[in-house]
Protein backbone atom coordinates (compact mmCIF):
# COMPACT_ATOMS: atom_id res chain seq x y z
CA MET A 1 0.00 0.00 0.00
CA SER A 2 1.31 3.41 -0.92
CA TYR A 3 0.14 6.21 1.30
CA SER A 4 1.50 9.41 2.63
CA THR A 5 2.23 9.40 6.37
CA LEU A 6 2.08 13.19 6.32
CA THR A 7 -1.36 13.11 4.71
CA VAL A 8 -2.62 10.42 7.10
CA ASN A 9 -1.78 12.74 9.96
CA LEU A 10 -3.55 15.64 8.26
CA MET A 11 -6.62 14.18 6.52
CA ILE A 12 -10.01 13.85 8.19
CA ASN A 13 -13.53 13.06 7.07
CA VAL A 14 -16.12 15.47 8.46
CA ILE A 15 -19.58 13.94 8.71
CA THR A 16 -22.90 15.71 9.05
CA THR A 17 -26.49 14.68 8.41
CA LEU A 18 -29.58 16.53 7.20
CA ASP A 19 -33.15 15.65 6.38
CA ASN A 20 -32.91 17.45 3.03
CA ARG A 21 -30.48 16.38 0.30
CA ASP A 22 -30.55 19.74 -1.52
CA THR A 23 -29.68 21.66 1.66
CA LEU A 24 -26.82 19.26 2.37
CA GLU A 25 -25.49 19.75 -1.15
CA LYS A 26 -25.70 23.55 -0.73
CA ILE A 27 -23.68 23.33 2.49
CA GLY A 28 -21.12 21.12 0.72
CA ARG A 29 -20.83 23.47 -2.25
CA PHE A 30 -20.47 26.44 0.11
CA LEU A 31 -17.54 24.71 1.84
CA LEU A 32 -16.05 23.68 -1.52
CA GLU A 33 -16.19 27.25 -2.83
CA LYS A 34 -14.34 28.44 0.29
CA LYS A 35 -11.77 25.63 -0.29
CA LEU A 36 -12.44 24.31 3.21
CA VAL A 37 -13.15 20.81 1.90
CA ALA A 38 -11.84 18.93 -1.13
CA CYS A 39 -15.09 17.07 -1.79
CA ILE A 40 -18.39 15.99 -0.32
CA GLN A 41 -19.91 12.58 -0.80
CA ILE A 42 -23.66 12.53 -0.23
CA VAL A 43 -25.03 9.19 0.90
CA GLY A 44 -28.62 8.29 1.47
CA PRO A 45 -31.18 8.29 2.38
CA VAL A 46 -30.21 6.66 5.68
CA ARG A 47 -32.56 5.84 8.54
CA SER A 48 -31.64 7.47 11.85
CA VAL A 49 -33.09 6.35 15.18
CA TYR A 50 -32.02 8.50 18.13
CA TRP A 51 -32.90 10.02 21.47
CA TRP A 52 -34.23 13.59 21.31
CA LYS A 53 -35.85 15.52 24.16
CA GLY A 54 -36.74 12.42 26.16
CA ARG A 55 -38.14 10.35 23.28
CA ILE A 56 -36.85 7.95 20.68
CA GLU A 57 -37.25 9.60 17.28
CA GLU A 58 -36.84 8.32 13.72
CA ALA A 59 -35.90 10.27 10.63
CA GLU A 60 -34.86 9.77 7.04
CA GLU A 61 -31.65 11.70 6.54
CA TRP A 62 -28.81 12.24 4.09
CA MET A 63 -25.20 11.92 5.19
CA GLY A 64 -22.46 14.22 3.93
CA ILE A 65 -18.89 12.95 4.18
CA MET A 66 -16.44 15.76 3.51
CA LYS A 67 -12.69 15.35 2.97
CA THR A 68 -10.44 18.00 4.48
CA ARG A 69 -7.31 18.62 6.54
CA ARG A 70 -7.34 18.42 10.33
CA GLU A 71 -6.15 22.03 10.68
CA LEU A 72 -9.31 23.24 8.88
CA TYR A 73 -11.73 21.38 11.17
CA PRO A 74 -12.53 24.30 13.52
CA VAL A 75 -13.46 26.51 10.57
CA VAL A 76 -15.43 23.74 8.83
CA GLU A 77 -17.34 23.05 12.05
CA ARG A 78 -18.11 26.73 12.58
CA GLU A 79 -19.30 27.18 8.98
CA ILE A 80 -21.52 24.09 9.09
CA LYS A 81 -22.99 25.10 12.44
CA ALA A 82 -23.75 28.61 11.15
CA VAL A 83 -25.97 27.33 8.30
CA HIS A 84 -27.19 23.95 9.57
CA PRO A 85 -30.91 24.01 10.39
CA TYR A 86 -30.76 21.45 13.24
CA GLU A 87 -30.69 22.66 16.85
CA VAL A 88 -27.88 20.18 17.59
CA PRO A 89 -26.34 19.04 14.29
CA GLN A 90 -24.10 16.02 13.97
CA ILE A 91 -20.69 17.40 13.06
CA GLU A 92 -17.86 14.99 13.67
CA ALA A 93 -14.34 14.42 12.42
CA VAL A 94 -13.00 10.95 11.69
CA GLU A 95 -9.27 10.53 11.13
CA ALA A 96 -8.07 8.58 8.11
CA ALA A 97 -6.09 5.44 8.99
CA GLY A 98 -4.45 5.47 5.56
CA VAL A 99 -4.59 7.63 2.46
CA PHE A 100 -3.44 6.80 -1.08
CA GLY A 101 -0.53 9.18 -1.71
CA ALA A 102 -1.84 10.83 -4.89
CA TYR A 103 -5.27 11.34 -3.30
CA GLY A 104 -3.70 12.92 -0.23
CA ARG A 105 -1.59 15.27 -2.35
CA TRP A 106 -4.72 16.26 -4.32
CA LEU A 107 -6.57 16.99 -1.06
CA GLU A 108 -3.70 19.13 0.18
CA ASP A 109 -3.49 20.98 -3.15
CA VAL A 110 -7.17 21.90 -3.41
CA THR A 111 -7.88 22.99 0.18
CA GLU A 112 -7.04 26.35 1.65
CA ARG A 113 -3.68 26.77 3.34
CA ARG A 114 -3.90 28.35 6.77
CA GLY A 115 -0.84 29.40 8.65
CA ALA A 116 1.43 27.93 5.99
């Protein structure tokens, strides 16, 4: 397997969910235009079953998986939170265990450089 150790330490997947695919795509495009993420993969619909305000709720949602660098996470989180319609949105970062070298270099090339 060929992967970049540097990229593995830098790349994360940011996951959020929404009950509206078009709104999720708009959020993804907004982050893409700001070069905060390299891509968004929209998966769904998925069925969510969860606790909310003392009750078990169910919803059909869409999941957005966005590729970015760890250093951009605070900004990505803030931007998602600012436009996300949920009272408590799912916004989580998952570290990559391995990244194909060329893919990692592409991700680094297309996302904004902060503090570099």
